[in-house]
Amino acid sequence: MLSTKFRDCCWSYVANTGRCFRTRRKEHQQNLKNYTRGLNIANHAWQNNHSMNFEGAIVIDKGNYRV
């Protein structure tokens, strides 16, 4: 699981993924940059002119997955 916050509001984004943390973070960055429709994180960012603090993203639980 990973967690990151928006820079411009109090909302946080928490995701459960079995993918490598760095890979998933890059995918989210690309989704926001390209405004991938249908993704809640991209919708919120674009509709509210918010940005994510990806540098502050953390792994909150890794279970048996890779980091």
N, C-alpha and C. Protein backbone atom coordinates (compact mmCIF):
# COMPACT_ATOMS: atom_id res chain seq x y z
N MET A 1 0.84 -1.17 0.00
CA MET A 1 0.00 0.00 0.00
C MET A 1 0.89 1.23 0.00
N LEU A 2 0.46 2.23 -0.73
CA LEU A 2 1.21 3.48 -0.75
C LEU A 2 0.27 4.62 -0.42
N SER A 3 0.85 5.69 0.09
CA SER A 3 0.07 6.86 0.46
C SER A 3 0.82 8.12 0.02
N THR A 4 0.07 9.08 -0.49
CA THR A 4 0.61 10.38 -0.84
C THR A 4 -0.48 11.42 -0.68
N LYS A 5 -0.09 12.66 -0.52
CA LYS A 5 -1.06 13.73 -0.30
C LYS A 5 -1.05 14.72 -1.45
N PHE A 6 -2.18 15.40 -1.60
CA PHE A 6 -2.22 16.52 -2.52
C PHE A 6 -1.53 17.70 -1.87
N ARG A 7 -0.84 18.50 -2.63
CA ARG A 7 -0.15 19.67 -2.09
C ARG A 7 -1.12 20.78 -1.73
N ASP A 8 -2.26 20.83 -2.40
CA ASP A 8 -3.15 21.98 -2.31
C ASP A 8 -4.40 21.77 -1.47
N CYS A 9 -4.55 20.59 -0.87
CA CYS A 9 -5.73 20.33 -0.05
C CYS A 9 -5.40 19.26 0.98
N CYS A 10 -6.37 18.93 1.80
CA CYS A 10 -6.13 17.97 2.88
C CYS A 10 -6.34 16.52 2.45
N TRP A 11 -6.72 16.28 1.21
CA TRP A 11 -6.97 14.91 0.74
C TRP A 11 -5.67 14.12 0.60
N SER A 12 -5.77 12.84 0.89
CA SER A 12 -4.68 11.90 0.68
C SER A 12 -5.12 10.84 -0.30
N TYR A 13 -4.17 10.23 -0.94
CA TYR A 13 -4.45 9.14 -1.85
C TYR A 13 -3.77 7.89 -1.28
N VAL A 14 -4.53 6.84 -1.08
CA VAL A 14 -4.01 5.57 -0.59
C VAL A 14 -4.35 4.51 -1.61
N ALA A 15 -3.37 3.73 -2.00
CA ALA A 15 -3.59 2.70 -3.02
C ALA A 15 -2.99 1.38 -2.57
N ASN A 16 -3.67 0.33 -2.91
CA ASN A 16 -3.18 -1.02 -2.64
C ASN A 16 -2.74 -1.60 -3.98
N THR A 17 -1.47 -1.94 -4.07
CA THR A 17 -0.95 -2.47 -5.33
C THR A 17 0.09 -3.54 -5.05
N GLY A 18 0.18 -4.48 -5.93
CA GLY A 18 1.21 -5.51 -5.85
C GLY A 18 2.41 -5.16 -6.71
N ARG A 19 2.36 -3.99 -7.31
CA ARG A 19 3.43 -3.55 -8.20
C ARG A 19 4.55 -2.89 -7.41
N CYS A 20 5.69 -2.77 -8.02
CA CYS A 20 6.83 -2.09 -7.43
C CYS A 20 6.44 -0.63 -7.15
N PHE A 21 6.79 -0.12 -5.98
CA PHE A 21 6.43 1.23 -5.55
C PHE A 21 6.87 2.28 -6.57
N ARG A 22 8.11 2.23 -6.99
CA ARG A 22 8.63 3.24 -7.93
C ARG A 22 7.90 3.19 -9.27
N THR A 23 7.62 1.98 -9.73
CA THR A 23 6.90 1.83 -10.99
C THR A 23 5.51 2.41 -10.89
N ARG A 24 4.80 2.09 -9.81
CA ARG A 24 3.43 2.58 -9.65
C ARG A 24 3.40 4.09 -9.49
N ARG A 25 4.38 4.65 -8.78
CA ARG A 25 4.46 6.10 -8.61
C ARG A 25 4.65 6.78 -9.97
N LYS A 26 5.52 6.23 -10.81
CA LYS A 26 5.74 6.79 -12.15
C LYS A 26 4.47 6.72 -12.99
N GLU A 27 3.75 5.62 -12.88
CA GLU A 27 2.50 5.48 -13.62
C GLU A 27 1.49 6.55 -13.20
N HIS A 28 1.39 6.78 -11.90
CA HIS A 28 0.48 7.82 -11.41
C HIS A 28 0.91 9.20 -11.90
N GLN A 29 2.20 9.46 -11.90
CA GLN A 29 2.69 10.75 -12.40
C GLN A 29 2.32 10.93 -13.87
N GLN A 30 2.47 9.89 -14.67
CA GLN A 30 2.11 9.97 -16.09
C GLN A 30 0.60 10.15 -16.26
N ASN A 31 -0.18 9.45 -15.45
CA ASN A 31 -1.64 9.57 -15.53
C ASN A 31 -2.08 11.00 -15.24
N LEU A 32 -1.46 11.63 -14.25
CA LEU A 32 -1.81 13.01 -13.93
C LEU A 32 -1.35 13.96 -15.02
N LYS A 33 -0.16 13.74 -15.53
CA LYS A 33 0.38 14.60 -16.57
C LYS A 33 -0.48 14.55 -17.83
N ASN A 34 -0.95 13.35 -18.17
CA ASN A 34 -1.73 13.15 -19.39
C ASN A 34 -3.23 13.22 -19.15
N TYR A 35 -3.65 13.46 -17.92
CA TYR A 35 -5.05 13.48 -17.51
C TYR A 35 -5.78 12.25 -18.03
N THR A 36 -5.45 11.11 -17.47
CA THR A 36 -6.10 9.86 -17.82
C THR A 36 -7.50 9.85 -17.22
N ARG A 37 -8.50 9.96 -18.07
CA ARG A 37 -9.89 10.02 -17.61
C ARG A 37 -10.30 8.72 -16.92
N GLY A 38 -11.18 8.87 -15.94
CA GLY A 38 -11.70 7.71 -15.23
C GLY A 38 -10.91 7.36 -13.98
N LEU A 39 -9.78 7.98 -13.79
CA LEU A 39 -9.00 7.74 -12.58
C LEU A 39 -9.31 8.83 -11.56
N ASN A 40 -9.76 8.44 -10.39
CA ASN A 40 -10.17 9.41 -9.37
C ASN A 40 -9.07 10.41 -9.02
N ILE A 41 -7.85 9.92 -8.93
CA ILE A 41 -6.74 10.80 -8.56
C ILE A 41 -6.52 11.88 -9.63
N ALA A 42 -6.60 11.49 -10.89
CA ALA A 42 -6.43 12.45 -11.98
C ALA A 42 -7.62 13.40 -12.06
N ASN A 43 -8.83 12.86 -11.89
CA ASN A 43 -10.02 13.71 -11.92
C ASN A 43 -9.97 14.78 -10.85
N HIS A 44 -9.63 14.40 -9.62
CA HIS A 44 -9.58 15.37 -8.53
C HIS A 44 -8.52 16.44 -8.80
N ALA A 45 -7.35 16.00 -9.23
CA ALA A 45 -6.26 16.95 -9.48
C ALA A 45 -6.62 17.95 -10.56
N TRP A 46 -7.16 17.47 -11.67
CA TRP A 46 -7.48 18.35 -12.78
C TRP A 46 -8.68 19.23 -12.51
N GLN A 47 -9.72 18.70 -11.90
CA GLN A 47 -10.92 19.49 -11.64
C GLN A 47 -10.70 20.57 -10.60
N ASN A 48 -9.75 20.34 -9.69
CA ASN A 48 -9.51 21.29 -8.61
C ASN A 48 -8.18 22.02 -8.73
N ASN A 49 -7.49 21.80 -9.83
CA ASN A 49 -6.19 22.42 -10.06
C ASN A 49 -5.22 22.11 -8.91
N HIS A 50 -5.18 20.84 -8.51
CA HIS A 50 -4.31 20.40 -7.42
C HIS A 50 -3.16 19.58 -7.98
N SER A 51 -2.11 19.49 -7.21
CA SER A 51 -0.97 18.67 -7.60
C SER A 51 -0.66 17.70 -6.47
N MET A 52 -0.02 16.59 -6.83
CA MET A 52 0.34 15.56 -5.85
C MET A 52 1.76 15.76 -5.37
N ASN A 53 1.99 15.39 -4.13
CA ASN A 53 3.33 15.41 -3.57
C ASN A 53 3.93 14.01 -3.71
N PHE A 54 4.35 13.66 -4.92
CA PHE A 54 4.88 12.32 -5.17
C PHE A 54 6.22 12.11 -4.47
N GLU A 55 6.96 13.17 -4.26
CA GLU A 55 8.24 13.04 -3.55
C GLU A 55 8.02 12.61 -2.10
N GLY A 56 6.84 12.93 -1.56
CA GLY A 56 6.51 12.56 -0.19
C GLY A 56 5.73 11.27 -0.08
N ALA A 57 5.56 10.56 -1.19
CA ALA A 57 4.83 9.29 -1.17
C ALA A 57 5.58 8.27 -0.32
N ILE A 58 4.82 7.49 0.43
CA ILE A 58 5.44 6.50 1.31
C ILE A 58 4.73 5.16 1.16
N VAL A 59 5.45 4.11 1.48
CA VAL A 59 4.88 2.77 1.56
C VAL A 59 4.35 2.62 2.98
N ILE A 60 3.05 2.33 3.12
CA ILE A 60 2.50 2.20 4.47
C ILE A 60 2.34 0.74 4.89
N ASP A 61 2.38 -0.17 3.93
CA ASP A 61 2.37 -1.60 4.23
C ASP A 61 2.81 -2.32 2.97
N LYS A 62 3.79 -3.17 3.09
CA LYS A 62 4.26 -3.85 1.88
C LYS A 62 3.92 -5.33 1.85
N GLY A 63 3.46 -5.90 2.92
CA GLY A 63 3.08 -7.31 2.92
C GLY A 63 4.20 -8.15 2.34
N ASN A 64 3.89 -8.94 1.37
CA ASN A 64 4.89 -9.79 0.71
C ASN A 64 5.34 -9.22 -0.63
N TYR A 65 5.01 -7.95 -0.88
CA TYR A 65 5.31 -7.33 -2.15
C TYR A 65 6.67 -6.64 -2.14
N ARG A 66 7.13 -6.32 -3.34
CA ARG A 66 8.40 -5.60 -3.49
C ARG A 66 8.22 -4.13 -3.21
N VAL A 67 9.28 -3.48 -2.79
CA VAL A 67 9.30 -2.02 -2.61
C VAL A 67 10.28 -1.52 -3.61
